[in-house]
Amino acid sequence: MGRTDTSDAGESRSSRSFHSISRPDARVLVLGTLPGERSLACGEYYAHPQNRFWSIVGDVLGFDPLGPYEERVMQILDHRIALWDVCAAAERPGSLDTSIRTATVVSNDFSAFFAEHPEIVRVCFNGQQAAKLFLRLVRGSLPTELRCEWVTLPSTSPANAAIPFEEKRRVWAHALLNTSP
């Protein structure tokens, strides 16, 4: 009798988020949903070569989007931008945000994050799915005195190819650069 292979692409796998990339003086928080398979394998945010995150942010902030990961991270930190994900853990088959099994989501601790980052004035969601998960699972548990602007940006995922690069860049530039008190 043969062995059944259960490693097909439809099998749900548990994924965990990375720690946030942040400094206490951050003014903007960019939130994704959960790292995809390539990002998890590389240990880097937005590691899929077709994801436009680093291309857009590098272009907007004036750094080499193909430079070493550590240098790209330093650039966003120097611009007072933090990166994190809505989900601390969740199950999903593959890497698509729409495949995240909502019932399995454990959200990151945003009450603690905002307490440690009191200068955040804008939260930018990298796509609609990140915004939906945050609003559903997190927003109601945050302190009412928290005053942030909540902005849903076009996803940088390769699955969101309908919006041209220049349009994404324009919207992202406005969100990342206009944070004066």
C-alpha atoms as a PDB file:
ATOM      1  CA  MET A   1       0.000   0.000   0.000  1.00  0.00           C
ATOM      2  CA  GLY A   2       1.436   3.409  -1.037  1.00  0.00           C
ATOM      3  CA  ARG A   3       2.045   6.359   1.209  1.00  0.00           C
ATOM      4  CA  THR A   4      -0.247   9.365   0.766  1.00  0.00           C
ATOM      5  CA  ASP A   5       1.577  12.620   0.127  1.00  0.00           C
ATOM      6  CA  THR A   6      -0.059  15.450   2.056  1.00  0.00           C
ATOM      7  CA  SER A   7       2.332  18.219   0.992  1.00  0.00           C
ATOM      8  CA  ASP A   8       0.191  19.604  -1.809  1.00  0.00           C
ATOM      9  CA  ALA A   9      -0.128  23.347  -2.377  1.00  0.00           C
ATOM     10  CA  GLY A  10      -3.670  23.409  -0.960  1.00  0.00           C
ATOM     11  CA  GLU A  11      -2.562  22.253   2.475  1.00  0.00           C
ATOM     12  CA  SER A  12      -2.814  24.951   5.096  1.00  0.00           C
ATOM     13  CA  ARG A  13       0.415  25.814   6.841  1.00  0.00           C
ATOM     14  CA  SER A  14       0.827  27.800  10.017  1.00  0.00           C
ATOM     15  CA  SER A  15       2.853  30.964   9.460  1.00  0.00           C
ATOM     16  CA  ARG A  16       4.290  33.390  11.986  1.00  0.00           C
ATOM     17  CA  SER A  17       5.084  37.053  11.614  1.00  0.00           C
ATOM     18  CA  PHE A  18       8.488  38.625  12.050  1.00  0.00           C
ATOM     19  CA  HIS A  19       9.225  41.075  14.840  1.00  0.00           C
ATOM     20  CA  SER A  20       8.465  44.643  13.912  1.00  0.00           C
ATOM     21  CA  ILE A  21      11.142  46.731  12.265  1.00  0.00           C
ATOM     22  CA  SER A  22      10.855  49.954  14.189  1.00  0.00           C
ATOM     23  CA  ARG A  23      12.370  52.641  16.345  1.00  0.00           C
ATOM     24  CA  PRO A  24      10.532  54.470  19.134  1.00  0.00           C
ATOM     25  CA  ASP A  25      10.487  57.698  17.049  1.00  0.00           C
ATOM     26  CA  ALA A  26       8.584  56.141  14.113  1.00  0.00           C
ATOM     27  CA  ARG A  27       5.841  58.345  12.658  1.00  0.00           C
ATOM     28  CA  VAL A  28       4.452  55.935  10.045  1.00  0.00           C
ATOM     29  CA  LEU A  29       3.604  52.260  10.488  1.00  0.00           C
ATOM     30  CA  VAL A  30       3.246  50.141   7.345  1.00  0.00           C
ATOM     31  CA  LEU A  31       1.237  46.979   7.974  1.00  0.00           C
ATOM     32  CA  GLY A  32       1.034  43.907   5.796  1.00  0.00           C
ATOM     33  CA  THR A  33      -0.951  40.804   6.617  1.00  0.00           C
ATOM     34  CA  LEU A  34       1.583  38.012   7.147  1.00  0.00           C
ATOM     35  CA  PRO A  35       4.912  37.188   5.487  1.00  0.00           C
ATOM     36  CA  GLY A  36       4.607  35.023   2.386  1.00  0.00           C
ATOM     37  CA  GLU A  37       6.524  31.812   1.802  1.00  0.00           C
ATOM     38  CA  ARG A  38       9.492  33.535   0.123  1.00  0.00           C
ATOM     39  CA  SER A  39       9.754  36.125   2.892  1.00  0.00           C
ATOM     40  CA  LEU A  40       9.636  33.423   5.551  1.00  0.00           C
ATOM     41  CA  ALA A  41      12.315  31.413   3.751  1.00  0.00           C
ATOM     42  CA  CYS A  42      14.576  34.482   3.442  1.00  0.00           C
ATOM     43  CA  GLY A  43      13.765  35.979   6.839  1.00  0.00           C
ATOM     44  CA  GLU A  44      13.024  39.328   5.180  1.00  0.00           C
ATOM     45  CA  TYR A  45       9.952  41.477   4.754  1.00  0.00           C
ATOM     46  CA  TYR A  46       8.718  41.621   1.140  1.00  0.00           C
ATOM     47  CA  ALA A  47      11.330  39.188  -0.213  1.00  0.00           C
ATOM     48  CA  HIS A  48       9.328  37.964  -3.219  1.00  0.00           C
ATOM     49  CA  PRO A  49      11.157  39.391  -6.253  1.00  0.00           C
ATOM     50  CA  GLN A  50       7.893  40.482  -7.892  1.00  0.00           C
ATOM     51  CA  ASN A  51       6.578  42.297  -4.824  1.00  0.00           C
ATOM     52  CA  ARG A  52       6.921  46.027  -5.528  1.00  0.00           C
ATOM     53  CA  PHE A  53       7.295  47.182  -1.913  1.00  0.00           C
ATOM     54  CA  TRP A  54      11.042  47.820  -1.969  1.00  0.00           C
ATOM     55  CA  SER A  55      10.919  49.244  -5.509  1.00  0.00           C
ATOM     56  CA  ILE A  56       8.242  51.748  -4.541  1.00  0.00           C
ATOM     57  CA  VAL A  57       9.644  52.697  -1.145  1.00  0.00           C
ATOM     58  CA  GLY A  58      13.210  52.909  -2.472  1.00  0.00           C
ATOM     59  CA  ASP A  59      12.073  55.163  -5.303  1.00  0.00           C
ATOM     60  CA  VAL A  60      10.038  57.376  -2.968  1.00  0.00           C
ATOM     61  CA  LEU A  61      12.739  57.679  -0.291  1.00  0.00           C
ATOM     62  CA  GLY A  62      15.720  57.768  -2.658  1.00  0.00           C
ATOM     63  CA  PHE A  63      17.603  54.555  -1.914  1.00  0.00           C
ATOM     64  CA  ASP A  64      18.609  51.496  -3.932  1.00  0.00           C
ATOM     65  CA  PRO A  65      15.732  48.996  -3.715  1.00  0.00           C
ATOM     66  CA  LEU A  66      18.127  46.215  -4.722  1.00  0.00           C
ATOM     67  CA  GLY A  67      20.703  47.046  -2.043  1.00  0.00           C
ATOM     68  CA  PRO A  68      21.397  44.724   0.878  1.00  0.00           C
ATOM     69  CA  TYR A  69      18.353  44.108   3.057  1.00  0.00           C
ATOM     70  CA  GLU A  70      20.026  45.610   6.132  1.00  0.00           C
ATOM     71  CA  GLU A  71      20.679  48.861   4.241  1.00  0.00           C
ATOM     72  CA  ARG A  72      17.086  49.055   3.014  1.00  0.00           C
ATOM     73  CA  VAL A  73      15.859  48.513   6.570  1.00  0.00           C
ATOM     74  CA  MET A  74      18.143  51.286   7.853  1.00  0.00           C
ATOM     75  CA  GLN A  75      16.767  53.634   5.190  1.00  0.00           C
ATOM     76  CA  ILE A  76      13.156  53.164   6.237  1.00  0.00           C
ATOM     77  CA  LEU A  77      14.090  53.487   9.906  1.00  0.00           C
ATOM     78  CA  ASP A  78      15.980  56.708   9.151  1.00  0.00           C
ATOM     79  CA  HIS A  79      12.775  58.009   7.527  1.00  0.00           C
ATOM     80  CA  ARG A  80      10.850  57.155  10.717  1.00  0.00           C
ATOM     81  CA  ILE A  81       8.893  54.344   9.073  1.00  0.00           C
ATOM     82  CA  ALA A  82       8.103  51.091  10.886  1.00  0.00           C
ATOM     83  CA  LEU A  83       7.141  47.749   9.300  1.00  0.00           C
ATOM     84  CA  TRP A  84       5.031  45.008  10.790  1.00  0.00           C
ATOM     85  CA  ASP A  85       2.136  42.670  10.064  1.00  0.00           C
ATOM     86  CA  VAL A  86      -1.406  42.519  11.384  1.00  0.00           C
ATOM     87  CA  CYS A  87      -1.127  38.783  12.011  1.00  0.00           C
ATOM     88  CA  ALA A  88       1.278  37.341  14.566  1.00  0.00           C
ATOM     89  CA  ALA A  89       0.259  33.898  13.313  1.00  0.00           C
ATOM     90  CA  ALA A  90      -2.310  32.335  11.003  1.00  0.00           C
ATOM     91  CA  GLU A  91      -2.911  29.369   8.757  1.00  0.00           C
ATOM     92  CA  ARG A  92      -2.969  29.716   5.009  1.00  0.00           C
ATOM     93  CA  PRO A  93      -2.160  27.615   1.987  1.00  0.00           C
ATOM     94  CA  GLY A  94       0.410  29.414  -0.162  1.00  0.00           C
ATOM     95  CA  SER A  95       1.151  33.126   0.081  1.00  0.00           C
ATOM     96  CA  LEU A  96      -2.019  34.919  -1.038  1.00  0.00           C
ATOM     97  CA  ASP A  97      -3.527  37.255   1.553  1.00  0.00           C
ATOM     98  CA  THR A  98      -7.000  36.141   0.519  1.00  0.00           C
ATOM     99  CA  SER A  99      -6.105  32.562   1.523  1.00  0.00           C
ATOM    100  CA  ILE A 100      -5.495  33.446   5.177  1.00  0.00           C
ATOM    101  CA  ARG A 101      -7.927  31.455   7.303  1.00  0.00           C
ATOM    102  CA  THR A 102      -9.387  34.263   9.388  1.00  0.00           C
ATOM    103  CA  ALA A 103     -10.545  31.958  12.185  1.00  0.00           C
ATOM    104  CA  THR A 104      -6.899  30.997  12.825  1.00  0.00           C
ATOM    105  CA  VAL A 105      -5.500  34.534  13.004  1.00  0.00           C
ATOM    106  CA  VAL A 106      -3.722  35.669  16.143  1.00  0.00           C
ATOM    107  CA  SER A 107      -3.052  39.391  15.870  1.00  0.00           C
ATOM    108  CA  ASN A 108       0.105  41.142  16.958  1.00  0.00           C
ATOM    109  CA  ASP A 109       0.007  43.177  20.190  1.00  0.00           C
ATOM    110  CA  PHE A 110      -0.782  46.630  18.872  1.00  0.00           C
ATOM    111  CA  SER A 111      -1.663  48.160  22.239  1.00  0.00           C
ATOM    112  CA  ALA A 112       1.920  47.535  23.363  1.00  0.00           C
ATOM    113  CA  PHE A 113       3.310  48.642  19.998  1.00  0.00           C
ATOM    114  CA  PHE A 114       1.528  51.999  20.041  1.00  0.00           C
ATOM    115  CA  ALA A 115       2.517  52.547  23.687  1.00  0.00           C
ATOM    116  CA  GLU A 116       6.168  51.993  22.697  1.00  0.00           C
ATOM    117  CA  HIS A 117       5.841  54.166  19.563  1.00  0.00           C
ATOM    118  CA  PRO A 118       3.883  57.240  20.721  1.00  0.00           C
ATOM    119  CA  GLU A 119       4.834  59.378  17.705  1.00  0.00           C
ATOM    120  CA  ILE A 120       2.978  57.230  15.136  1.00  0.00           C
ATOM    121  CA  VAL A 121       0.585  59.532  13.283  1.00  0.00           C
ATOM    122  CA  ARG A 122      -0.315  57.346  10.311  1.00  0.00           C
ATOM    123  CA  VAL A 123      -0.928  53.632   9.827  1.00  0.00           C
ATOM    124  CA  CYS A 124      -0.632  52.535   6.200  1.00  0.00           C
ATOM    125  CA  PHE A 125      -2.123  49.208   5.217  1.00  0.00           C
ATOM    126  CA  ASN A 126      -0.346  47.454   2.379  1.00  0.00           C
ATOM    127  CA  GLY A 127      -3.543  46.398   0.639  1.00  0.00           C
ATOM    128  CA  GLN A 128      -7.191  45.924   1.512  1.00  0.00           C
ATOM    129  CA  GLN A 129      -6.771  42.565   3.219  1.00  0.00           C
ATOM    130  CA  ALA A 130      -4.396  44.031   5.835  1.00  0.00           C
ATOM    131  CA  ALA A 131      -6.899  46.832   6.503  1.00  0.00           C
ATOM    132  CA  LYS A 132      -9.835  44.422   6.785  1.00  0.00           C
ATOM    133  CA  LEU A 133      -8.015  42.134   9.215  1.00  0.00           C
ATOM    134  CA  PHE A 134      -6.854  45.069  11.336  1.00  0.00           C
ATOM    135  CA  LEU A 135     -10.309  46.619  11.520  1.00  0.00           C
ATOM    136  CA  ARG A 136     -11.914  43.295  12.330  1.00  0.00           C
ATOM    137  CA  LEU A 137      -9.396  41.984  14.859  1.00  0.00           C
ATOM    138  CA  VAL A 138      -7.509  44.924  16.333  1.00  0.00           C
ATOM    139  CA  ARG A 139      -9.039  48.386  15.980  1.00  0.00           C
ATOM    140  CA  GLY A 140     -11.739  47.930  18.612  1.00  0.00           C
ATOM    141  CA  SER A 141      -9.211  46.870  21.255  1.00  0.00           C
ATOM    142  CA  LEU A 142      -7.036  49.977  20.919  1.00  0.00           C
ATOM    143  CA  PRO A 143      -7.255  52.892  23.346  1.00  0.00           C
ATOM    144  CA  THR A 144      -9.797  55.498  22.273  1.00  0.00           C
ATOM    145  CA  GLU A 145      -7.243  58.280  22.785  1.00  0.00           C
ATOM    146  CA  LEU A 146      -5.038  56.840  20.034  1.00  0.00           C
ATOM    147  CA  ARG A 147      -5.037  59.429  17.252  1.00  0.00           C
ATOM    148  CA  CYS A 148      -3.767  58.026  13.977  1.00  0.00           C
ATOM    149  CA  GLU A 149      -4.720  58.418  10.375  1.00  0.00           C
ATOM    150  CA  TRP A 150      -5.632  55.043   8.852  1.00  0.00           C
ATOM    151  CA  VAL A 151      -4.749  54.770   5.151  1.00  0.00           C
ATOM    152  CA  THR A 152      -5.324  51.788   2.874  1.00  0.00           C
ATOM    153  CA  LEU A 153      -2.726  51.767   0.099  1.00  0.00           C
ATOM    154  CA  PRO A 154      -2.669  49.713  -3.091  1.00  0.00           C
ATOM    155  CA  SER A 155      -1.080  46.361  -2.367  1.00  0.00           C
ATOM    156  CA  THR A 156       2.503  45.919  -3.552  1.00  0.00           C
ATOM    157  CA  SER A 157       1.857  42.203  -4.040  1.00  0.00           C
ATOM    158  CA  PRO A 158       2.404  40.668  -7.472  1.00  0.00           C
ATOM    159  CA  ALA A 159      -1.249  39.570  -7.239  1.00  0.00           C
ATOM    160  CA  ASN A 160      -2.224  43.263  -7.552  1.00  0.00           C
ATOM    161  CA  ALA A 161      -0.868  43.872 -11.045  1.00  0.00           C
ATOM    162  CA  ALA A 162      -3.924  45.827 -12.247  1.00  0.00           C
ATOM    163  CA  ILE A 163      -2.656  49.111 -10.791  1.00  0.00           C
ATOM    164  CA  PRO A 164       0.364  50.531 -12.657  1.00  0.00           C
ATOM    165  CA  PHE A 165       3.638  51.089 -10.788  1.00  0.00           C
ATOM    166  CA  GLU A 166       3.497  54.886 -11.204  1.00  0.00           C
ATOM    167  CA  GLU A 167       0.014  55.070  -9.674  1.00  0.00           C
ATOM    168  CA  LYS A 168       1.076  52.911  -6.714  1.00  0.00           C
ATOM    169  CA  ARG A 169       4.208  55.028  -6.316  1.00  0.00           C
ATOM    170  CA  ARG A 170       2.192  58.269  -6.304  1.00  0.00           C
ATOM    171  CA  VAL A 171      -0.201  57.055  -3.611  1.00  0.00           C
ATOM    172  CA  TRP A 172       2.555  55.527  -1.488  1.00  0.00           C
ATOM    173  CA  ALA A 173       4.692  58.690  -1.774  1.00  0.00           C
ATOM    174  CA  HIS A 174       1.856  60.846  -0.476  1.00  0.00           C
ATOM    175  CA  ALA A 175       1.284  58.500   2.475  1.00  0.00           C
ATOM    176  CA  LEU A 176       4.936  58.089   3.441  1.00  0.00           C
ATOM    177  CA  LEU A 177       6.181  61.640   2.992  1.00  0.00           C
ATOM    178  CA  ASN A 178       3.397  63.866   4.308  1.00  0.00           C
ATOM    179  CA  THR A 179       3.510  63.277   8.067  1.00  0.00           C
ATOM    180  CA  SER A 180       4.312  66.719   9.466  1.00  0.00           C
ATOM    181  CA  PRO A 181       2.671  67.445  12.814  1.00  0.00           C
END
